Amino acid sequence: MRSKAVVSGIPITTTIAALTSTVEGLMDKHDFGRFEVCSLQEYHRHVKK
Protein backbone atom coordinates (compact mmCIF):
# COMPACT_ATOMS: atom_id res chain seq x y z
CA MET A 1 0.00 0.00 0.00
CA ARG A 2 2.83 2.42 0.86
CA SER A 3 4.65 1.95 -2.43
CA LYS A 4 1.45 2.52 -4.44
CA ALA A 5 0.77 5.72 -2.47
CA VAL A 6 4.33 6.99 -3.02
CA VAL A 7 4.22 6.23 -6.74
CA SER A 8 0.84 7.98 -6.99
CA GLY A 9 2.08 11.02 -5.05
CA ILE A 10 -0.37 10.40 -2.22
CA PRO A 11 0.88 11.26 1.29
CA ILE A 12 0.76 8.38 3.77
CA THR A 13 1.41 8.14 7.50
CA THR A 14 2.05 4.93 9.37
CA THR A 15 1.62 6.01 12.99
CA ILE A 16 -0.89 8.01 15.00
CA ALA A 17 1.92 10.40 16.02
CA ALA A 18 2.76 11.07 12.37
CA LEU A 19 -0.91 11.59 11.55
CA THR A 20 -1.27 14.03 14.46
CA SER A 21 1.76 16.00 13.28
CA THR A 22 0.43 16.05 9.73
CA VAL A 23 -2.93 17.41 10.83
CA GLU A 24 -1.25 20.05 13.02
CA GLY A 25 0.91 21.12 10.08
CA LEU A 26 -2.10 21.41 7.79
CA MET A 27 -3.95 23.46 10.42
CA ASP A 28 -0.94 25.79 10.71
CA LYS A 29 -0.84 26.09 6.91
CA HIS A 30 -4.50 27.07 6.99
CA ASP A 31 -3.95 29.60 9.81
CA PHE A 32 -0.74 31.18 8.50
CA GLY A 33 -1.09 30.59 4.76
CA ARG A 34 2.39 29.16 4.19
CA PHE A 35 4.83 26.43 5.10
CA GLU A 36 8.41 27.00 6.15
CA VAL A 37 10.66 24.03 5.56
CA CYS A 38 13.97 23.74 7.40
CA SER A 39 16.34 21.11 8.71
CA LEU A 40 15.92 19.74 12.21
CA GLN A 41 19.14 21.48 13.26
CA GLU A 42 17.89 24.82 11.94
CA TYR A 43 14.56 24.31 13.66
CA HIS A 44 16.27 23.79 17.02
CA ARG A 45 18.34 26.96 16.54
CA HIS A 46 15.09 28.94 16.29
CA VAL A 47 13.22 27.32 19.18
CA LYS A 48 12.84 29.77 22.03
CA LYS A 49 14.50 28.47 25.18
C-alpha atoms as a PDB file:
ATOM      1  CA  MET A   1       0.000   0.000   0.000  1.00  0.00           C
ATOM      2  CA  ARG A   2       2.830   2.417   0.864  1.00  0.00           C
ATOM      3  CA  SER A   3       4.652   1.948  -2.428  1.00  0.00           C
ATOM      4  CA  LYS A   4       1.454   2.525  -4.437  1.00  0.00           C
ATOM      5  CA  ALA A   5       0.772   5.715  -2.475  1.00  0.00           C
ATOM      6  CA  VAL A   6       4.326   6.992  -3.021  1.00  0.00           C
ATOM      7  CA  VAL A   7       4.222   6.225  -6.744  1.00  0.00           C
ATOM      8  CA  SER A   8       0.844   7.981  -6.992  1.00  0.00           C
ATOM      9  CA  GLY A   9       2.079  11.019  -5.047  1.00  0.00           C
ATOM     10  CA  ILE A  10      -0.370  10.403  -2.224  1.00  0.00           C
ATOM     11  CA  PRO A  11       0.879  11.261   1.288  1.00  0.00           C
ATOM     12  CA  ILE A  12       0.764   8.383   3.773  1.00  0.00           C
ATOM     13  CA  THR A  13       1.407   8.139   7.499  1.00  0.00           C
ATOM     14  CA  THR A  14       2.046   4.929   9.373  1.00  0.00           C
ATOM     15  CA  THR A  15       1.624   6.009  12.994  1.00  0.00           C
ATOM     16  CA  ILE A  16      -0.886   8.006  15.003  1.00  0.00           C
ATOM     17  CA  ALA A  17       1.924  10.395  16.024  1.00  0.00           C
ATOM     18  CA  ALA A  18       2.756  11.074  12.371  1.00  0.00           C
ATOM     19  CA  LEU A  19      -0.908  11.586  11.554  1.00  0.00           C
ATOM     20  CA  THR A  20      -1.271  14.031  14.461  1.00  0.00           C
ATOM     21  CA  SER A  21       1.764  15.999  13.276  1.00  0.00           C
ATOM     22  CA  THR A  22       0.432  16.047   9.727  1.00  0.00           C
ATOM     23  CA  VAL A  23      -2.929  17.411  10.829  1.00  0.00           C
ATOM     24  CA  GLU A  24      -1.248  20.050  13.017  1.00  0.00           C
ATOM     25  CA  GLY A  25       0.909  21.117  10.077  1.00  0.00           C
ATOM     26  CA  LEU A  26      -2.101  21.408   7.793  1.00  0.00           C
ATOM     27  CA  MET A  27      -3.945  23.458  10.417  1.00  0.00           C
ATOM     28  CA  ASP A  28      -0.936  25.790  10.707  1.00  0.00           C
ATOM     29  CA  LYS A  29      -0.841  26.087   6.906  1.00  0.00           C
ATOM     30  CA  HIS A  30      -4.499  27.074   6.989  1.00  0.00           C
ATOM     31  CA  ASP A  31      -3.949  29.603   9.810  1.00  0.00           C
ATOM     32  CA  PHE A  32      -0.740  31.183   8.499  1.00  0.00           C
ATOM     33  CA  GLY A  33      -1.089  30.593   4.762  1.00  0.00           C
ATOM     34  CA  ARG A  34       2.390  29.164   4.192  1.00  0.00           C
ATOM     35  CA  PHE A  35       4.827  26.428   5.103  1.00  0.00           C
ATOM     36  CA  GLU A  36       8.405  26.995   6.147  1.00  0.00           C
ATOM     37  CA  VAL A  37      10.661  24.027   5.565  1.00  0.00           C
ATOM     38  CA  CYS A  38      13.971  23.741   7.396  1.00  0.00           C
ATOM     39  CA  SER A  39      16.342  21.108   8.706  1.00  0.00           C
ATOM     40  CA  LEU A  40      15.915  19.743  12.211  1.00  0.00           C
ATOM     41  CA  GLN A  41      19.143  21.483  13.255  1.00  0.00           C
ATOM     42  CA  GLU A  42      17.892  24.819  11.940  1.00  0.00           C
ATOM     43  CA  TYR A  43      14.557  24.310  13.662  1.00  0.00           C
ATOM     44  CA  HIS A  44      16.274  23.787  17.021  1.00  0.00           C
ATOM     45  CA  ARG A  45      18.342  26.955  16.541  1.00  0.00           C
ATOM     46  CA  HIS A  46      15.088  28.942  16.285  1.00  0.00           C
ATOM     47  CA  VAL A  47      13.221  27.315  19.181  1.00  0.00           C
ATOM     48  CA  LYS A  48      12.841  29.774  22.028  1.00  0.00           C
ATOM     49  CA  LYS A  49      14.495  28.468  25.175  1.00  0.00           C
END
